[in-house]
Amino acid sequence: VCDINPVKIENIKNGTKNKEVAYFDDYIAMLDSGLCDASLVETPHYQHPEIVMECLKRGLHVICDKPAGVYTKQVREMNEVAKQSNAHFAMLFNQRIKARF
């Protein structure tokens, strides 16, 4: 679990019975930890392409919440990285899913 807000991390810790969960305040550290097989990106919209690309560059499967991004250029770059990656990439849209397998 990753969040930059320590209060949110503490709330999540207090709300789970699974004490083996790892917590991070830096998503790069989380991705580099070797603990992730896949990632669900639910961040502010402008961060979606950046985080998705970091996942894909590491060969991590990733699901991204809508929208794909704020700027067309970043979304196109993200899609190109997805084409070159062996990892699965999927976008979540309201009541529909589009995935590349």
N, C-alpha and C. Protein backbone atom coordinates (compact mmCIF):
# COMPACT_ATOMS: atom_id res chain seq x y z
N VAL A 1 0.86 -1.17 0.00
CA VAL A 1 0.00 0.00 0.00
C VAL A 1 0.90 1.23 0.00
N CYS A 2 0.54 2.22 -0.82
CA CYS A 2 1.36 3.42 -0.90
C CYS A 2 0.48 4.65 -0.84
N ASP A 3 0.88 5.61 -0.02
CA ASP A 3 0.23 6.91 0.04
C ASP A 3 1.22 7.90 0.62
N ILE A 4 1.21 9.12 0.12
CA ILE A 4 2.12 10.14 0.64
C ILE A 4 1.60 10.75 1.94
N ASN A 5 0.36 10.47 2.28
CA ASN A 5 -0.24 11.03 3.48
C ASN A 5 -0.11 10.02 4.64
N PRO A 6 0.72 10.32 5.66
CA PRO A 6 0.93 9.37 6.75
C PRO A 6 -0.34 9.08 7.55
N VAL A 7 -1.27 10.01 7.58
CA VAL A 7 -2.53 9.77 8.29
C VAL A 7 -3.33 8.68 7.58
N LYS A 8 -3.35 8.72 6.27
CA LYS A 8 -4.06 7.69 5.50
C LYS A 8 -3.41 6.33 5.70
N ILE A 9 -2.09 6.30 5.71
CA ILE A 9 -1.38 5.03 5.95
C ILE A 9 -1.76 4.47 7.31
N GLU A 10 -1.77 5.30 8.33
CA GLU A 10 -2.13 4.84 9.68
C GLU A 10 -3.57 4.34 9.72
N ASN A 11 -4.47 5.03 9.03
CA ASN A 11 -5.87 4.57 8.99
C ASN A 11 -5.99 3.21 8.32
N ILE A 12 -5.23 3.00 7.25
CA ILE A 12 -5.26 1.71 6.57
C ILE A 12 -4.68 0.63 7.48
N LYS A 13 -3.56 0.93 8.13
CA LYS A 13 -2.95 -0.04 9.06
C LYS A 13 -3.93 -0.43 10.15
N ASN A 14 -4.63 0.55 10.69
CA ASN A 14 -5.58 0.28 11.77
C ASN A 14 -6.82 -0.45 11.30
N GLY A 15 -7.10 -0.39 10.00
CA GLY A 15 -8.30 -1.01 9.47
C GLY A 15 -8.10 -2.39 8.87
N THR A 16 -6.88 -2.91 8.92
CA THR A 16 -6.63 -4.23 8.34
C THR A 16 -6.13 -5.20 9.39
N LYS A 17 -6.50 -6.44 9.24
CA LYS A 17 -6.03 -7.49 10.14
C LYS A 17 -4.75 -8.13 9.62
N ASN A 18 -4.46 -7.91 8.34
CA ASN A 18 -3.27 -8.49 7.72
C ASN A 18 -2.05 -7.66 8.11
N LYS A 19 -1.26 -8.16 9.02
CA LYS A 19 -0.09 -7.42 9.52
C LYS A 19 1.14 -7.61 8.64
N GLU A 20 1.02 -8.39 7.56
CA GLU A 20 2.15 -8.62 6.65
C GLU A 20 2.18 -7.61 5.49
N VAL A 21 1.20 -6.72 5.44
CA VAL A 21 1.13 -5.73 4.37
C VAL A 21 2.30 -4.76 4.52
N ALA A 22 2.93 -4.43 3.40
CA ALA A 22 4.02 -3.44 3.39
C ALA A 22 3.43 -2.08 3.04
N TYR A 23 3.94 -1.05 3.69
CA TYR A 23 3.45 0.31 3.49
C TYR A 23 4.59 1.20 3.01
N PHE A 24 4.26 2.08 2.07
CA PHE A 24 5.26 2.97 1.49
C PHE A 24 4.69 4.38 1.38
N ASP A 25 5.58 5.37 1.44
CA ASP A 25 5.17 6.75 1.19
C ASP A 25 5.78 7.27 -0.12
N ASP A 26 6.42 6.38 -0.86
CA ASP A 26 7.05 6.72 -2.14
C ASP A 26 6.77 5.57 -3.11
N TYR A 27 6.05 5.86 -4.19
CA TYR A 27 5.66 4.76 -5.08
C TYR A 27 6.85 4.15 -5.81
N ILE A 28 7.91 4.92 -6.07
CA ILE A 28 9.10 4.36 -6.72
C ILE A 28 9.74 3.32 -5.80
N ALA A 29 9.84 3.63 -4.52
CA ALA A 29 10.38 2.67 -3.55
C ALA A 29 9.52 1.43 -3.51
N MET A 30 8.21 1.60 -3.58
CA MET A 30 7.31 0.44 -3.57
C MET A 30 7.54 -0.42 -4.81
N LEU A 31 7.61 0.22 -5.99
CA LEU A 31 7.80 -0.54 -7.22
C LEU A 31 9.15 -1.24 -7.25
N ASP A 32 10.16 -0.61 -6.68
CA ASP A 32 11.51 -1.18 -6.66
C ASP A 32 11.71 -2.21 -5.55
N SER A 33 10.73 -2.34 -4.66
CA SER A 33 10.88 -3.24 -3.50
C SER A 33 10.90 -4.71 -3.88
N GLY A 34 10.36 -5.05 -5.05
CA GLY A 34 10.26 -6.45 -5.43
C GLY A 34 9.03 -7.13 -4.84
N LEU A 35 8.20 -6.39 -4.14
CA LEU A 35 7.02 -6.96 -3.50
C LEU A 35 5.78 -6.95 -4.39
N CYS A 36 5.84 -6.20 -5.48
CA CYS A 36 4.66 -6.02 -6.34
C CYS A 36 4.73 -6.91 -7.58
N ASP A 37 3.62 -7.55 -7.88
CA ASP A 37 3.45 -8.25 -9.16
C ASP A 37 2.60 -7.40 -10.09
N ALA A 38 1.75 -6.58 -9.48
CA ALA A 38 0.83 -5.73 -10.22
C ALA A 38 0.51 -4.51 -9.39
N SER A 39 -0.03 -3.50 -10.06
CA SER A 39 -0.36 -2.26 -9.37
C SER A 39 -1.70 -1.73 -9.85
N LEU A 40 -2.45 -1.14 -8.94
CA LEU A 40 -3.69 -0.45 -9.26
C LEU A 40 -3.42 1.03 -9.02
N VAL A 41 -3.50 1.84 -10.08
CA VAL A 41 -3.19 3.26 -9.99
C VAL A 41 -4.48 4.04 -9.76
N GLU A 42 -4.61 4.60 -8.58
CA GLU A 42 -5.75 5.45 -8.21
C GLU A 42 -5.19 6.69 -7.54
N THR A 43 -4.68 7.59 -8.37
CA THR A 43 -4.02 8.80 -7.91
C THR A 43 -4.67 9.99 -8.61
N PRO A 44 -4.22 11.22 -8.31
CA PRO A 44 -4.72 12.35 -9.09
C PRO A 44 -4.47 12.11 -10.59
N HIS A 45 -5.39 12.55 -11.41
CA HIS A 45 -5.40 12.23 -12.84
C HIS A 45 -4.08 12.54 -13.54
N TYR A 46 -3.46 13.64 -13.21
CA TYR A 46 -2.24 14.05 -13.92
C TYR A 46 -1.07 13.10 -13.65
N GLN A 47 -1.16 12.27 -12.62
CA GLN A 47 -0.08 11.32 -12.30
C GLN A 47 -0.25 9.97 -12.97
N HIS A 48 -1.41 9.69 -13.52
CA HIS A 48 -1.68 8.36 -14.08
C HIS A 48 -0.62 7.91 -15.09
N PRO A 49 -0.34 8.67 -16.16
CA PRO A 49 0.64 8.18 -17.14
C PRO A 49 2.03 7.93 -16.54
N GLU A 50 2.49 8.84 -15.70
CA GLU A 50 3.82 8.71 -15.09
C GLU A 50 3.94 7.41 -14.30
N ILE A 51 2.96 7.13 -13.46
CA ILE A 51 3.02 5.95 -12.61
C ILE A 51 2.84 4.68 -13.43
N VAL A 52 1.91 4.70 -14.38
CA VAL A 52 1.70 3.54 -15.25
C VAL A 52 2.99 3.19 -15.99
N MET A 53 3.65 4.20 -16.53
CA MET A 53 4.89 3.95 -17.27
C MET A 53 5.98 3.39 -16.37
N GLU A 54 6.08 3.87 -15.15
CA GLU A 54 7.06 3.34 -14.21
C GLU A 54 6.79 1.86 -13.92
N CYS A 55 5.52 1.51 -13.79
CA CYS A 55 5.16 0.09 -13.58
C CYS A 55 5.55 -0.75 -14.79
N LEU A 56 5.15 -0.30 -15.97
CA LEU A 56 5.39 -1.06 -17.18
C LEU A 56 6.88 -1.21 -17.49
N LYS A 57 7.65 -0.19 -17.22
CA LYS A 57 9.09 -0.27 -17.45
C LYS A 57 9.75 -1.32 -16.56
N ARG A 58 9.12 -1.63 -15.44
CA ARG A 58 9.62 -2.65 -14.52
C ARG A 58 8.98 -4.01 -14.78
N GLY A 59 8.15 -4.10 -15.81
CA GLY A 59 7.49 -5.36 -16.13
C GLY A 59 6.36 -5.71 -15.18
N LEU A 60 5.84 -4.70 -14.47
CA LEU A 60 4.74 -4.93 -13.53
C LEU A 60 3.41 -4.73 -14.23
N HIS A 61 2.49 -5.65 -14.04
CA HIS A 61 1.15 -5.50 -14.58
C HIS A 61 0.49 -4.30 -13.90
N VAL A 62 -0.35 -3.59 -14.65
CA VAL A 62 -0.95 -2.38 -14.07
C VAL A 62 -2.36 -2.17 -14.58
N ILE A 63 -3.23 -1.79 -13.65
CA ILE A 63 -4.58 -1.35 -13.95
C ILE A 63 -4.65 0.12 -13.54
N CYS A 64 -5.14 0.95 -14.43
CA CYS A 64 -5.22 2.38 -14.17
C CYS A 64 -6.68 2.82 -14.15
N ASP A 65 -7.04 3.55 -13.10
CA ASP A 65 -8.38 4.12 -13.03
C ASP A 65 -8.52 5.22 -14.06
N LYS A 66 -9.72 5.54 -14.45
CA LYS A 66 -9.96 6.59 -15.42
C LYS A 66 -9.68 7.95 -14.81
N PRO A 67 -9.37 8.94 -15.57
CA PRO A 67 -9.06 8.92 -16.99
C PRO A 67 -7.63 8.45 -17.21
N ALA A 68 -7.30 8.18 -18.46
CA ALA A 68 -5.95 7.73 -18.78
C ALA A 68 -4.92 8.79 -18.41
N GLY A 69 -5.31 10.02 -18.50
CA GLY A 69 -4.42 11.13 -18.15
C GLY A 69 -5.09 12.44 -18.46
N VAL A 70 -4.37 13.51 -18.27
CA VAL A 70 -4.90 14.85 -18.52
C VAL A 70 -4.46 15.37 -19.88
N TYR A 71 -3.24 15.05 -20.26
CA TYR A 71 -2.67 15.57 -21.50
C TYR A 71 -2.51 14.45 -22.53
N THR A 72 -2.98 14.71 -23.75
CA THR A 72 -2.94 13.72 -24.82
C THR A 72 -1.54 13.20 -25.06
N LYS A 73 -0.55 14.07 -25.05
CA LYS A 73 0.84 13.66 -25.29
C LYS A 73 1.29 12.61 -24.29
N GLN A 74 0.96 12.79 -23.01
CA GLN A 74 1.35 11.82 -21.98
C GLN A 74 0.63 10.50 -22.16
N VAL A 75 -0.64 10.55 -22.53
CA VAL A 75 -1.41 9.32 -22.74
C VAL A 75 -0.85 8.54 -23.92
N ARG A 76 -0.49 9.25 -24.98
CA ARG A 76 0.12 8.57 -26.14
C ARG A 76 1.45 7.93 -25.76
N GLU A 77 2.25 8.65 -24.98
CA GLU A 77 3.52 8.08 -24.52
C GLU A 77 3.29 6.85 -23.65
N MET A 78 2.31 6.92 -22.78
CA MET A 78 1.97 5.79 -21.93
C MET A 78 1.57 4.58 -22.77
N ASN A 79 0.76 4.81 -23.80
CA ASN A 79 0.33 3.72 -24.67
C ASN A 79 1.49 3.11 -25.44
N GLU A 80 2.46 3.91 -25.84
CA GLU A 80 3.65 3.39 -26.53
C GLU A 80 4.48 2.53 -25.58
N VAL A 81 4.64 2.97 -24.35
CA VAL A 81 5.37 2.17 -23.35
C VAL A 81 4.64 0.85 -23.13
N ALA A 82 3.31 0.90 -23.09
CA ALA A 82 2.52 -0.33 -22.90
C ALA A 82 2.72 -1.30 -24.06
N LYS A 83 2.81 -0.79 -25.28
CA LYS A 83 3.02 -1.65 -26.45
C LYS A 83 4.38 -2.36 -26.38
N GLN A 84 5.37 -1.70 -25.80
CA GLN A 84 6.72 -2.25 -25.73
C GLN A 84 6.93 -3.15 -24.51
N SER A 85 6.01 -3.12 -23.59
CA SER A 85 6.16 -3.89 -22.35
C SER A 85 5.55 -5.28 -22.50
N ASN A 86 6.11 -6.24 -21.79
CA ASN A 86 5.52 -7.58 -21.74
C ASN A 86 4.47 -7.68 -20.65
N ALA A 87 4.30 -6.63 -19.86
CA ALA A 87 3.32 -6.64 -18.78
C ALA A 87 1.92 -6.31 -19.33
N HIS A 88 0.91 -6.75 -18.62
CA HIS A 88 -0.47 -6.44 -18.98
C HIS A 88 -0.81 -5.04 -18.50
N PHE A 89 -1.59 -4.33 -19.30
CA PHE A 89 -2.03 -2.98 -18.98
C PHE A 89 -3.52 -2.88 -19.26
N ALA A 90 -4.26 -2.38 -18.29
CA ALA A 90 -5.70 -2.22 -18.45
C ALA A 90 -6.15 -0.89 -17.88
N MET A 91 -7.18 -0.34 -18.49
CA MET A 91 -7.81 0.89 -18.02
C MET A 91 -9.18 0.54 -17.46
N LEU A 92 -9.52 1.14 -16.34
CA LEU A 92 -10.86 0.99 -15.78
C LEU A 92 -11.69 2.20 -16.18
N PHE A 93 -12.84 1.94 -16.77
CA PHE A 93 -13.77 3.00 -17.11
C PHE A 93 -15.08 2.70 -16.39
N ASN A 94 -15.90 3.69 -16.25
CA ASN A 94 -17.18 3.52 -15.58
C ASN A 94 -17.99 2.42 -16.27
N GLN A 95 -18.16 1.31 -15.59
CA GLN A 95 -18.97 0.18 -16.03
C GLN A 95 -18.45 -0.52 -17.27
N ARG A 96 -17.17 -0.36 -17.57
CA ARG A 96 -16.55 -1.09 -18.69
C ARG A 96 -15.05 -1.16 -18.49
N ILE A 97 -14.42 -2.17 -19.06
CA ILE A 97 -12.98 -2.35 -18.94
C ILE A 97 -12.41 -2.59 -20.32
N LYS A 98 -11.30 -1.93 -20.62
CA LYS A 98 -10.59 -2.18 -21.87
C LYS A 98 -9.18 -2.65 -21.49
N ALA A 99 -8.81 -3.82 -21.93
CA ALA A 99 -7.50 -4.36 -21.55
C ALA A 99 -6.71 -4.78 -22.78
N ARG A 100 -5.39 -4.73 -22.66
CA ARG A 100 -4.49 -5.22 -23.71
C ARG A 100 -3.81 -6.45 -23.14
N PHE A 101 -4.08 -7.61 -23.75
CA PHE A 101 -3.45 -8.86 -23.30
C PHE A 101 -2.69 -9.47 -24.42
